[in-house]
PDB file of N, CA and C in Angstrom:
ATOM      1  N   UNK A   1      -9.854   5.651 -12.723  1.00  0.00           N
ATOM      2  CA  UNK A   1     -10.953   4.619 -12.281  1.00  0.00           C
ATOM      3  C   UNK A   1     -11.940   5.128 -12.624  1.00  0.00           C
ATOM      4  N   UNK A   2     -12.781   4.299 -12.674  1.00  0.00           N
ATOM      5  CA  UNK A   2     -13.937   4.275 -13.023  1.00  0.00           C
ATOM      6  C   UNK A   2     -14.771   5.589 -12.195  1.00  0.00           C
ATOM      7  N   UNK A   3     -15.009   5.417 -11.059  1.00  0.00           N
ATOM      8  CA  UNK A   3     -15.505   6.463 -10.508  1.00  0.00           C
ATOM      9  C   UNK A   3     -15.145   7.883 -10.336  1.00  0.00           C
ATOM     10  N   UNK A   4     -13.818   8.277 -10.987  1.00  0.00           N
ATOM     11  CA  UNK A   4     -13.049   9.554 -10.445  1.00  0.00           C
ATOM     12  C   UNK A   4     -11.970   9.772  -9.544  1.00  0.00           C
ATOM     13  N   UNK A   5     -12.050   8.569  -9.038  1.00  0.00           N
ATOM     14  CA  UNK A   5     -10.872   8.811  -8.180  1.00  0.00           C
ATOM     15  C   UNK A   5      -9.822   8.086  -8.417  1.00  0.00           C
ATOM     16  N   UNK A   6      -8.889   8.371  -8.295  1.00  0.00           N
ATOM     17  CA  UNK A   6      -7.311   8.311  -8.345  1.00  0.00           C
ATOM     18  C   UNK A   6      -6.923   6.665  -7.654  1.00  0.00           C
ATOM     19  N   UNK A   7      -6.395   6.411  -8.441  1.00  0.00           N
ATOM     20  CA  UNK A   7      -5.684   4.470  -7.992  1.00  0.00           C
ATOM     21  C   UNK A   7      -5.092   5.119  -6.493  1.00  0.00           C
ATOM     22  N   UNK A   8      -5.282   4.452  -5.785  1.00  0.00           N
ATOM     23  CA  UNK A   8      -4.389   4.458  -4.441  1.00  0.00           C
ATOM     24  C   UNK A   8      -4.817   3.480  -3.557  1.00  0.00           C
ATOM     25  N   UNK A   9      -4.125   2.570  -4.152  1.00  0.00           N
ATOM     26  CA  UNK A   9      -4.646   0.785  -3.652  1.00  0.00           C
ATOM     27  C   UNK A   9      -3.579   0.796  -1.935  1.00  0.00           C
ATOM     28  N   UNK A  10      -3.937  -0.121  -1.199  1.00  0.00           N
ATOM     29  CA  UNK A  10      -3.825  -0.404   0.303  1.00  0.00           C
ATOM     30  C   UNK A  10      -2.236  -1.159  -0.175  1.00  0.00           C
ATOM     31  N   UNK A  11      -1.098  -0.834   0.826  1.00  0.00           N
ATOM     32  CA  UNK A  11       0.089  -1.872   0.611  1.00  0.00           C
ATOM     33  C   UNK A  11      -0.459  -3.140   1.593  1.00  0.00           C
ATOM     34  N   UNK A  12       0.315  -4.543   1.061  1.00  0.00           N
ATOM     35  CA  UNK A  12      -0.625  -5.379   1.298  1.00  0.00           C
ATOM     36  C   UNK A  12      -0.031  -5.687   3.085  1.00  0.00           C
ATOM     37  N   UNK A  13       0.947  -4.964   3.625  1.00  0.00           N
ATOM     38  CA  UNK A  13       0.879  -4.683   5.212  1.00  0.00           C
ATOM     39  C   UNK A  13       0.382  -3.936   5.882  1.00  0.00           C
ATOM     40  N   UNK A  14      -0.884  -3.538   5.327  1.00  0.00           N
ATOM     41  CA  UNK A  14      -1.351  -1.991   6.210  1.00  0.00           C
ATOM     42  C   UNK A  14      -2.213  -2.808   6.109  1.00  0.00           C
ATOM     43  N   UNK A  15      -3.119  -2.613   7.311  1.00  0.00           N
ATOM     44  CA  UNK A  15      -4.456  -2.992   8.150  1.00  0.00           C
ATOM     45  C   UNK A  15      -5.737  -2.672   7.660  1.00  0.00           C
ATOM     46  N   UNK A  16      -6.730  -3.149   7.680  1.00  0.00           N
ATOM     47  CA  UNK A  16      -8.491  -2.942   7.371  1.00  0.00           C
ATOM     48  C   UNK A  16      -8.581  -2.446   9.209  1.00  0.00           C
ATOM     49  N   UNK A  17     -10.103  -1.830   8.839  1.00  0.00           N
ATOM     50  CA  UNK A  17     -10.875  -2.305   9.487  1.00  0.00           C
ATOM     51  C   UNK A  17     -11.924  -3.340   9.548  1.00  0.00           C
ATOM     52  N   UNK A  18     -11.979  -4.072   9.904  1.00  0.00           N
ATOM     53  CA  UNK A  18     -13.318  -5.053   9.829  1.00  0.00           C
ATOM     54  C   UNK A  18     -14.397  -5.765  11.103  1.00  0.00           C
ATOM     55  N   UNK A  19     -15.315  -5.706  10.644  1.00  0.00           N
ATOM     56  CA  UNK A  19     -16.231  -6.116  11.441  1.00  0.00           C
ATOM     57  C   UNK A  19     -16.205  -7.457  11.613  1.00  0.00           C
ATOM     58  N   UNK A  20     -15.558  -8.492  11.728  1.00  0.00           N
ATOM     59  CA  UNK A  20     -15.834  -9.376  10.890  1.00  0.00           C
ATOM     60  C   UNK A  20     -17.149 -10.370  10.994  1.00  0.00           C
ATOM     61  N   UNK A  21     -17.583 -10.502  12.702  1.00  0.00           N
ATOM     62  CA  UNK A  21     -18.824 -10.976  13.216  1.00  0.00           C
ATOM     63  C   UNK A  21     -20.091 -10.212  12.455  1.00  0.00           C
ATOM     64  N   UNK A  22     -19.784  -9.103  11.409  1.00  0.00           N
ATOM     65  CA  UNK A  22     -21.126  -8.246  11.435  1.00  0.00           C
ATOM     66  C   UNK A  22     -21.145  -9.541   9.730  1.00  0.00           C
ATOM     67  N   UNK A  23     -20.494  -9.670   8.722  1.00  0.00           N
ATOM     68  CA  UNK A  23     -20.409  -9.613   7.687  1.00  0.00           C
ATOM     69  C   UNK A  23     -21.070 -10.468   7.039  1.00  0.00           C
ATOM     70  N   UNK A  24     -22.651 -11.559   7.815  1.00  0.00           N
ATOM     71  CA  UNK A  24     -23.222 -12.239   7.385  1.00  0.00           C
ATOM     72  C   UNK A  24     -24.526 -11.828   6.714  1.00  0.00           C
ATOM     73  N   UNK A  25     -24.385 -10.505   7.211  1.00  0.00           N
ATOM     74  CA  UNK A  25     -25.915  -9.293   7.307  1.00  0.00           C
ATOM     75  C   UNK A  25     -25.023  -8.148   5.638  1.00  0.00           C
ATOM     76  N   UNK A  26     -26.497  -8.090   5.506  1.00  0.00           N
ATOM     77  CA  UNK A  26     -26.494  -7.449   4.234  1.00  0.00           C
ATOM     78  C   UNK A  26     -27.179  -6.027   4.404  1.00  0.00           C
ATOM     79  N   UNK A  27     -26.566  -5.647   3.865  1.00  0.00           N
ATOM     80  CA  UNK A  27     -25.804  -5.541   2.599  1.00  0.00           C
ATOM     81  C   UNK A  27     -24.289  -4.831   3.113  1.00  0.00           C
ATOM     82  N   UNK A  28     -23.194  -5.133   2.647  1.00  0.00           N
ATOM     83  CA  UNK A  28     -21.348  -5.020   3.194  1.00  0.00           C
ATOM     84  C   UNK A  28     -21.583  -4.008   2.623  1.00  0.00           C
ATOM     85  N   UNK A  29     -20.534  -3.121   3.448  1.00  0.00           N
ATOM     86  CA  UNK A  29     -21.012  -1.122   3.580  1.00  0.00           C
ATOM     87  C   UNK A  29     -18.868  -1.692   3.908  1.00  0.00           C
ATOM     88  N   UNK A  30     -18.387  -0.174   3.127  1.00  0.00           N
ATOM     89  CA  UNK A  30     -16.620   0.023   3.198  1.00  0.00           C
ATOM     90  C   UNK A  30     -16.873   1.368   2.872  1.00  0.00           C
ATOM     91  N   UNK A  31     -16.102   2.200   3.974  1.00  0.00           N
ATOM     92  CA  UNK A  31     -15.892   3.497   3.711  1.00  0.00           C
ATOM     93  C   UNK A  31     -13.984   3.698   3.905  1.00  0.00           C
ATOM     94  N   UNK A  32     -13.961   4.587   3.280  1.00  0.00           N
ATOM     95  CA  UNK A  32     -12.056   4.818   3.529  1.00  0.00           C
ATOM     96  C   UNK A  32     -11.831   6.280   4.226  1.00  0.00           C
ATOM     97  N   UNK A  33     -11.626   6.502   5.446  1.00  0.00           N
ATOM     98  CA  UNK A  33     -10.439   7.169   5.977  1.00  0.00           C
ATOM     99  C   UNK A  33      -9.201   7.886   5.818  1.00  0.00           C
ATOM    100  N   UNK A  34      -8.389   8.592   5.819  1.00  0.00           N
ATOM    101  CA  UNK A  34      -7.043   8.774   5.317  1.00  0.00           C
ATOM    102  C   UNK A  34      -5.904   7.669   6.043  1.00  0.00           C
ATOM    103  N   UNK A  35      -5.517   7.083   5.608  1.00  0.00           N
ATOM    104  CA  UNK A  35      -4.612   6.072   5.915  1.00  0.00           C
ATOM    105  C   UNK A  35      -3.594   6.887   7.160  1.00  0.00           C
ATOM    106  N   UNK A  36      -3.081   6.087   8.268  1.00  0.00           N
ATOM    107  CA  UNK A  36      -2.399   6.579   9.200  1.00  0.00           C
ATOM    108  C   UNK A  36      -2.200   5.332  10.728  1.00  0.00           C
ATOM    109  N   UNK A  37      -0.684   5.807  10.739  1.00  0.00           N
ATOM    110  CA  UNK A  37      -0.650   4.014  11.594  1.00  0.00           C
ATOM    111  C   UNK A  37      -0.638   3.080  11.141  1.00  0.00           C
ATOM    112  N   UNK A  38      -0.210   2.773  10.450  1.00  0.00           N
ATOM    113  CA  UNK A  38       0.183   1.556   9.165  1.00  0.00           C
ATOM    114  C   UNK A  38      -1.418   1.114   9.385  1.00  0.00           C
ATOM    115  N   UNK A  39      -2.562   1.966   8.807  1.00  0.00           N
ATOM    116  CA  UNK A  39      -3.840   1.527   8.595  1.00  0.00           C
ATOM    117  C   UNK A  39      -3.782   2.001   7.201  1.00  0.00           C
ATOM    118  N   UNK A  40      -4.680   1.326   6.325  1.00  0.00           N
ATOM    119  CA  UNK A  40      -5.019   1.764   4.900  1.00  0.00           C
ATOM    120  C   UNK A  40      -6.174   2.949   5.004  1.00  0.00           C
ATOM    121  N   UNK A  41      -6.848   3.003   5.884  1.00  0.00           N
ATOM    122  CA  UNK A  41      -8.029   4.017   6.245  1.00  0.00           C
ATOM    123  C   UNK A  41      -9.743   2.947   6.078  1.00  0.00           C
ATOM    124  N   UNK A  42      -9.437   1.734   5.225  1.00  0.00           N
ATOM    125  CA  UNK A  42     -10.965   1.499   5.268  1.00  0.00           C
ATOM    126  C   UNK A  42     -10.991   0.595   6.115  1.00  0.00           C
ATOM    127  N   UNK A  43     -12.913   0.729   6.172  1.00  0.00           N
ATOM    128  CA  UNK A  43     -13.389   0.444   7.255  1.00  0.00           C
ATOM    129  C   UNK A  43     -14.763  -0.565   6.934  1.00  0.00           C
ATOM    130  N   UNK A  44     -15.026  -1.590   6.599  1.00  0.00           N
ATOM    131  CA  UNK A  44     -15.517  -2.752   6.551  1.00  0.00           C
ATOM    132  C   UNK A  44     -16.836  -3.262   7.251  1.00  0.00           C
ATOM    133  N   UNK A  45     -17.616  -3.115   7.429  1.00  0.00           N
ATOM    134  CA  UNK A  45     -19.026  -4.570   7.634  1.00  0.00           C
ATOM    135  C   UNK A  45     -19.891  -4.336   7.559  1.00  0.00           C
ATOM    136  N   UNK A  46     -20.666  -5.283   7.764  1.00  0.00           N
ATOM    137  CA  UNK A  46     -22.285  -5.745   6.979  1.00  0.00           C
ATOM    138  C   UNK A  46     -23.291  -5.470   7.957  1.00  0.00           C
ATOM    139  N   UNK A  47     -24.523  -5.510   7.010  1.00  0.00           N
ATOM    140  CA  UNK A  47     -25.496  -4.971   7.422  1.00  0.00           C
ATOM    141  C   UNK A  47     -25.762  -2.828   7.653  1.00  0.00           C
ATOM    142  N   UNK A  48     -27.332  -2.813   7.715  1.00  0.00           N
ATOM    143  CA  UNK A  48     -27.861  -1.478   8.226  1.00  0.00           C
ATOM    144  C   UNK A  48     -27.035  -0.235   8.809  1.00  0.00           C
ATOM    145  N   UNK A  49     -26.366  -0.618  10.339  1.00  0.00           N
ATOM    146  CA  UNK A  49     -25.702   0.048  11.256  1.00  0.00           C
ATOM    147  C   UNK A  49     -24.657  -0.280  11.062  1.00  0.00           C
ATOM    148  N   UNK A  50     -24.141   0.492  11.349  1.00  0.00           N
ATOM    149  CA  UNK A  50     -22.191   0.389  11.705  1.00  0.00           C
ATOM    150  C   UNK A  50     -22.700   0.838  13.703  1.00  0.00           C
ATOM    151  N   UNK A  51     -21.404  -0.508  14.154  1.00  0.00           N
ATOM    152  CA  UNK A  51     -22.097   0.024  15.874  1.00  0.00           C
ATOM    153  C   UNK A  51     -20.694   0.759  16.370  1.00  0.00           C
ATOM    154  N   UNK A  52     -21.091   1.805  16.903  1.00  0.00           N
ATOM    155  CA  UNK A  52     -20.577   2.485  18.003  1.00  0.00           C
ATOM    156  C   UNK A  52     -19.560   1.824  19.397  1.00  0.00           C
ATOM    157  N   UNK A  53     -19.797   0.543  19.225  1.00  0.00           N
ATOM    158  CA  UNK A  53     -19.262  -0.443  19.926  1.00  0.00           C
ATOM    159  C   UNK A  53     -17.608  -0.552  19.630  1.00  0.00           C
ATOM    160  N   UNK A  54     -16.465  -0.379  20.510  1.00  0.00           N
ATOM    161  CA  UNK A  54     -15.207   0.310  20.808  1.00  0.00           C
ATOM    162  C   UNK A  54     -14.350  -0.815  19.546  1.00  0.00           C
ATOM    163  N   UNK A  55     -15.566  -2.152  20.191  1.00  0.00           N
ATOM    164  CA  UNK A  55     -14.764  -3.656  19.669  1.00  0.00           C
ATOM    165  C   UNK A  55     -15.398  -3.790  18.431  1.00  0.00           C
ATOM    166  N   UNK A  56     -16.326  -2.724  17.797  1.00  0.00           N
ATOM    167  CA  UNK A  56     -16.758  -3.296  17.018  1.00  0.00           C
ATOM    168  C   UNK A  56     -16.024  -3.881  15.390  1.00  0.00           C
ATOM    169  N   UNK A  57     -15.332  -3.592  15.103  1.00  0.00           N
ATOM    170  CA  UNK A  57     -13.976  -3.412  14.546  1.00  0.00           C
ATOM    171  C   UNK A  57     -12.547  -3.769  14.479  1.00  0.00           C
ATOM    172  N   UNK A  58     -11.858  -4.954  13.716  1.00  0.00           N
ATOM    173  CA  UNK A  58     -11.070  -5.157  14.523  1.00  0.00           C
ATOM    174  C   UNK A  58     -10.001  -5.793  13.298  1.00  0.00           C
ATOM    175  N   UNK A  59      -8.626  -5.528  13.250  1.00  0.00           N
ATOM    176  CA  UNK A  59      -7.434  -4.536  12.410  1.00  0.00           C
ATOM    177  C   UNK A  59      -7.022  -6.195  11.580  1.00  0.00           C
ATOM    178  N   UNK A  60      -7.147  -6.093  10.402  1.00  0.00           N
ATOM    179  CA  UNK A  60      -6.449  -7.168   9.907  1.00  0.00           C
ATOM    180  C   UNK A  60      -6.002  -7.099   8.304  1.00  0.00           C
ATOM    181  N   UNK A  61      -4.698  -7.464   8.369  1.00  0.00           N
ATOM    182  CA  UNK A  61      -3.811  -6.911   7.780  1.00  0.00           C
ATOM    183  C   UNK A  61      -4.572  -7.196   5.846  1.00  0.00           C
ATOM    184  N   UNK A  62      -4.344  -6.583   4.781  1.00  0.00           N
ATOM    185  CA  UNK A  62      -4.993  -6.079   3.865  1.00  0.00           C
ATOM    186  C   UNK A  62      -4.068  -7.553   2.815  1.00  0.00           C
ATOM    187  N   UNK A  63      -4.122  -8.131   2.688  1.00  0.00           N
ATOM    188  CA  UNK A  63      -3.637  -9.127   2.316  1.00  0.00           C
ATOM    189  C   UNK A  63      -4.171 -10.360   2.724  1.00  0.00           C
ATOM    190  N   UNK A  64      -4.609 -10.387   3.653  1.00  0.00           N
ATOM    191  CA  UNK A  64      -5.668 -11.160   4.207  1.00  0.00           C
ATOM    192  C   UNK A  64      -7.336 -11.285   3.845  1.00  0.00           C
ATOM    193  N   UNK A  65      -7.441 -10.235   3.073  1.00  0.00           N
ATOM    194  CA  UNK A  65      -8.992  -9.473   2.847  1.00  0.00           C
ATOM    195  C   UNK A  65      -9.635 -10.149   2.205  1.00  0.00           C
ATOM    196  N   UNK A  66      -9.178 -11.353   0.850  1.00  0.00           N
ATOM    197  CA  UNK A  66      -9.823 -11.414  -0.299  1.00  0.00           C
ATOM    198  C   UNK A  66     -10.376 -12.967   0.584  1.00  0.00           C
ATOM    199  N   UNK A  67      -9.901 -13.395   1.493  1.00  0.00           N
ATOM    200  CA  UNK A  67     -10.554 -14.417   2.138  1.00  0.00           C
ATOM    201  C   UNK A  67     -12.412 -14.515   2.837  1.00  0.00           C
ATOM    202  N   UNK A  68     -12.311 -12.878   3.574  1.00  0.00           N
ATOM    203  CA  UNK A  68     -13.412 -12.757   4.268  1.00  0.00           C
ATOM    204  C   UNK A  68     -14.380 -11.896   2.692  1.00  0.00           C
ATOM    205  N   UNK A  69     -14.075 -10.585   2.625  1.00  0.00           N
ATOM    206  CA  UNK A  69     -14.853  -9.654   1.961  1.00  0.00           C
ATOM    207  C   UNK A  69     -14.241  -9.763  -0.163  1.00  0.00           C
ATOM    208  N   UNK A  70     -14.150 -11.244  -0.772  1.00  0.00           N
ATOM    209  CA  UNK A  70     -13.723 -10.677  -2.171  1.00  0.00           C
ATOM    210  C   UNK A  70     -14.898  -9.693  -2.903  1.00  0.00           C
ATOM    211  N   UNK A  71     -16.167  -9.513  -2.437  1.00  0.00           N
ATOM    212  CA  UNK A  71     -16.494  -8.234  -3.406  1.00  0.00           C
ATOM    213  C   UNK A  71     -15.934  -7.729  -3.684  1.00  0.00           C
ATOM    214  N   UNK A  72     -15.412  -7.268  -2.435  1.00  0.00           N
ATOM    215  CA  UNK A  72     -14.872  -5.701  -2.745  1.00  0.00           C
ATOM    216  C   UNK A  72     -13.767  -5.097  -2.892  1.00  0.00           C
ATOM    217  N   UNK A  73     -12.937  -6.723  -3.432  1.00  0.00           N
ATOM    218  CA  UNK A  73     -11.447  -6.405  -3.795  1.00  0.00           C
ATOM    219  C   UNK A  73     -11.605  -4.938  -4.923  1.00  0.00           C
ATOM    220  N   UNK A  74     -12.387  -5.469  -5.862  1.00  0.00           N
ATOM    221  CA  UNK A  74     -12.162  -4.158  -6.922  1.00  0.00           C
ATOM    222  C   UNK A  74     -12.319  -3.160  -6.599  1.00  0.00           C
ATOM    223  N   UNK A  75     -12.995  -2.897  -5.598  1.00  0.00           N
ATOM    224  CA  UNK A  75     -12.926  -0.988  -4.685  1.00  0.00           C
ATOM    225  C   UNK A  75     -12.094  -0.236  -4.356  1.00  0.00           C
ATOM    226  N   UNK A  76     -11.201  -1.617  -3.584  1.00  0.00           N
ATOM    227  CA  UNK A  76     -10.255  -1.375  -2.229  1.00  0.00           C
ATOM    228  C   UNK A  76      -8.971  -0.584  -2.885  1.00  0.00           C
ATOM    229  N   UNK A  77      -9.057  -0.295  -3.993  1.00  0.00           N
ATOM    230  CA  UNK A  77      -8.085   1.056  -4.796  1.00  0.00           C
ATOM    231  C   UNK A  77      -8.408   2.622  -5.004  1.00  0.00           C
ATOM    232  N   UNK A  78      -9.898   2.581  -4.609  1.00  0.00           N
ATOM    233  CA  UNK A  78     -10.439   4.036  -4.422  1.00  0.00           C
ATOM    234  C   UNK A  78      -9.681   4.861  -3.015  1.00  0.00           C
ATOM    235  N   UNK A  79      -9.402   6.050  -3.312  1.00  0.00           N
ATOM    236  CA  UNK A  79      -8.993   7.039  -2.699  1.00  0.00           C
ATOM    237  C   UNK A  79      -9.571   7.273  -1.232  1.00  0.00           C
ATOM    238  N   UNK A  80      -8.671   7.256  -0.167  1.00  0.00           N
ATOM    239  CA  UNK A  80      -9.501   8.211   0.854  1.00  0.00           C
ATOM    240  C   UNK A  80     -10.694   9.154   0.658  1.00  0.00           C
ATOM    241  N   UNK A  81     -12.200   8.846   1.067  1.00  0.00           N
ATOM    242  CA  UNK A  81     -13.512   9.700   1.528  1.00  0.00           C
ATOM    243  C   UNK A  81     -14.434   9.468   0.196  1.00  0.00           C
ATOM    244  N   UNK A  82     -14.355   7.313  -0.115  1.00  0.00           N
ATOM    245  CA  UNK A  82     -15.121   6.847  -0.925  1.00  0.00           C
ATOM    246  C   UNK A  82     -15.606   6.343   0.128  1.00  0.00           C
ATOM    247  N   UNK A  83     -16.859   5.451  -0.055  1.00  0.00           N
ATOM    248  CA  UNK A  83     -18.000   5.130   0.405  1.00  0.00           C
ATOM    249  C   UNK A  83     -18.370   3.616  -0.447  1.00  0.00           C
ATOM    250  N   UNK A  84     -18.188   2.533  -0.162  1.00  0.00           N
ATOM    251  CA  UNK A  84     -19.201   1.821  -0.752  1.00  0.00           C
ATOM    252  C   UNK A  84     -20.264   0.671  -0.340  1.00  0.00           C
ATOM    253  N   UNK A  85     -21.187   0.216  -0.660  1.00  0.00           N
ATOM    254  CA  UNK A  85     -22.324  -0.709  -0.688  1.00  0.00           C
ATOM    255  C   UNK A  85     -22.471  -1.650  -1.687  1.00  0.00           C
ATOM    256  N   UNK A  86     -22.392  -3.169  -0.530  1.00  0.00           N
ATOM    257  CA  UNK A  86     -23.034  -3.840  -2.468  1.00  0.00           C
ATOM    258  C   UNK A  86     -23.685  -4.264  -1.267  1.00  0.00           C
ATOM    259  N   UNK A  87     -25.125  -4.833  -2.589  1.00  0.00           N
ATOM    260  CA  UNK A  87     -25.970  -6.108  -1.785  1.00  0.00           C
ATOM    261  C   UNK A  87     -26.773  -6.364  -2.943  1.00  0.00           C
ATOM    262  N   UNK A  88     -27.603  -7.509  -3.178  1.00  0.00           N
ATOM    263  CA  UNK A  88     -27.895  -8.668  -3.760  1.00  0.00           C
ATOM    264  C   UNK A  88     -28.230  -7.657  -4.803  1.00  0.00           C
ATOM    265  N   UNK A  89     -28.053  -7.324  -6.159  1.00  0.00           N
ATOM    266  CA  UNK A  89     -27.697  -7.004  -7.437  1.00  0.00           C
ATOM    267  C   UNK A  89     -27.865  -5.273  -7.472  1.00  0.00           C
ATOM    268  N   UNK A  90     -26.632  -4.397  -6.175  1.00  0.00           N
ATOM    269  CA  UNK A  90     -27.601  -3.239  -6.299  1.00  0.00           C
ATOM    270  C   UNK A  90     -25.476  -2.859  -6.215  1.00  0.00           C
ATOM    271  N   UNK A  91     -24.598  -1.758  -6.589  1.00  0.00           N
ATOM    272  CA  UNK A  91     -24.112  -1.344  -6.613  1.00  0.00           C
ATOM    273  C   UNK A  91     -23.956   0.175  -5.953  1.00  0.00           C
ATOM    274  N   UNK A  92     -22.868   0.185  -5.265  1.00  0.00           N
ATOM    275  CA  UNK A  92     -23.232   1.780  -4.348  1.00  0.00           C
ATOM    276  C   UNK A  92     -21.610   2.432  -4.080  1.00  0.00           C
ATOM    277  N   UNK A  93     -21.051   2.899  -5.069  1.00  0.00           N
ATOM    278  CA  UNK A  93     -20.178   4.100  -5.036  1.00  0.00           C
ATOM    279  C   UNK A  93     -20.423   5.629  -5.048  1.00  0.00           C
ATOM    280  N   UNK A  94     -19.766   6.575  -3.982  1.00  0.00           N
ATOM    281  CA  UNK A  94     -19.816   7.510  -3.460  1.00  0.00           C
ATOM    282  C   UNK A  94     -18.433   8.188  -2.830  1.00  0.00           C
ATOM    283  N   UNK A  95     -18.741   9.243  -3.505  1.00  0.00           N
ATOM    284  CA  UNK A  95     -17.444   9.852  -2.221  1.00  0.00           C
ATOM    285  C   UNK A  95     -17.741  11.081  -1.001  1.00  0.00           C
ATOM    286  N   UNK A  96     -17.222  11.485   0.132  1.00  0.00           N
ATOM    287  CA  UNK A  96     -18.035  11.743   1.023  1.00  0.00           C
ATOM    288  C   UNK A  96     -16.549  12.327   1.709  1.00  0.00           C
ATOM    289  N   UNK A  97     -16.834  13.537   1.152  1.00  0.00           N
ATOM    290  CA  UNK A  97     -15.683  14.642   1.588  1.00  0.00           C
ATOM    291  C   UNK A  97     -15.914  14.593   3.344  1.00  0.00           C
ATOM    292  N   UNK A  98     -16.218  14.710   3.759  1.00  0.00           N
ATOM    293  CA  UNK A  98     -16.510  14.131   5.248  1.00  0.00           C
ATOM    294  C   UNK A  98     -16.059  13.423   5.954  1.00  0.00           C
ATOM    295  N   UNK A  99     -15.075  12.054   4.649  1.00  0.00           N
ATOM    296  CA  UNK A  99     -14.644  10.951   5.353  1.00  0.00           C
ATOM    297  C   UNK A  99     -13.330  11.363   5.818  1.00  0.00           C
ATOM    298  N   UNK A 100     -12.556  13.003   5.301  1.00  0.00           N
ATOM    299  CA  UNK A 100     -11.049  13.000   5.137  1.00  0.00           C
ATOM    300  C   UNK A 100     -11.100  13.772   6.035  1.00  0.00           C
ATOM    301  N   UNK A 101     -12.207  14.831   7.069  1.00  0.00           N
ATOM    302  CA  UNK A 101     -11.486  15.132   8.193  1.00  0.00           C
ATOM    303  C   UNK A 101     -12.010  14.656   9.597  1.00  0.00           C
ATOM    304  N   UNK A 102     -11.184  14.012   9.691  1.00  0.00           N
ATOM    305  CA  UNK A 102     -11.950  13.267  10.795  1.00  0.00           C
ATOM    306  C   UNK A 102     -10.463  13.739  12.253  1.00  0.00           C
TER     307      UNK A 102
END
């Protein structure tokens, strides 16, 4: 993979955590924890800060994600431990070992 990650795509029946109400805010951010209990580990939100509110993220099947965040699709094969930030004319992708220690 382009960023040095193994290709680790989510399954179509797995779920992501997505903050639908925040997607109108920039930048678009995503991070991936290890998969567990039917989730693929991806958490996606918009804006500069991730809320700590318990209802910030909603579950969404991966197969529906293209409707909400098509720009993220090329990055969602990154393995657990990776982060993505998409803003106008800016793309940042990096590994964060702390995401593996949940």
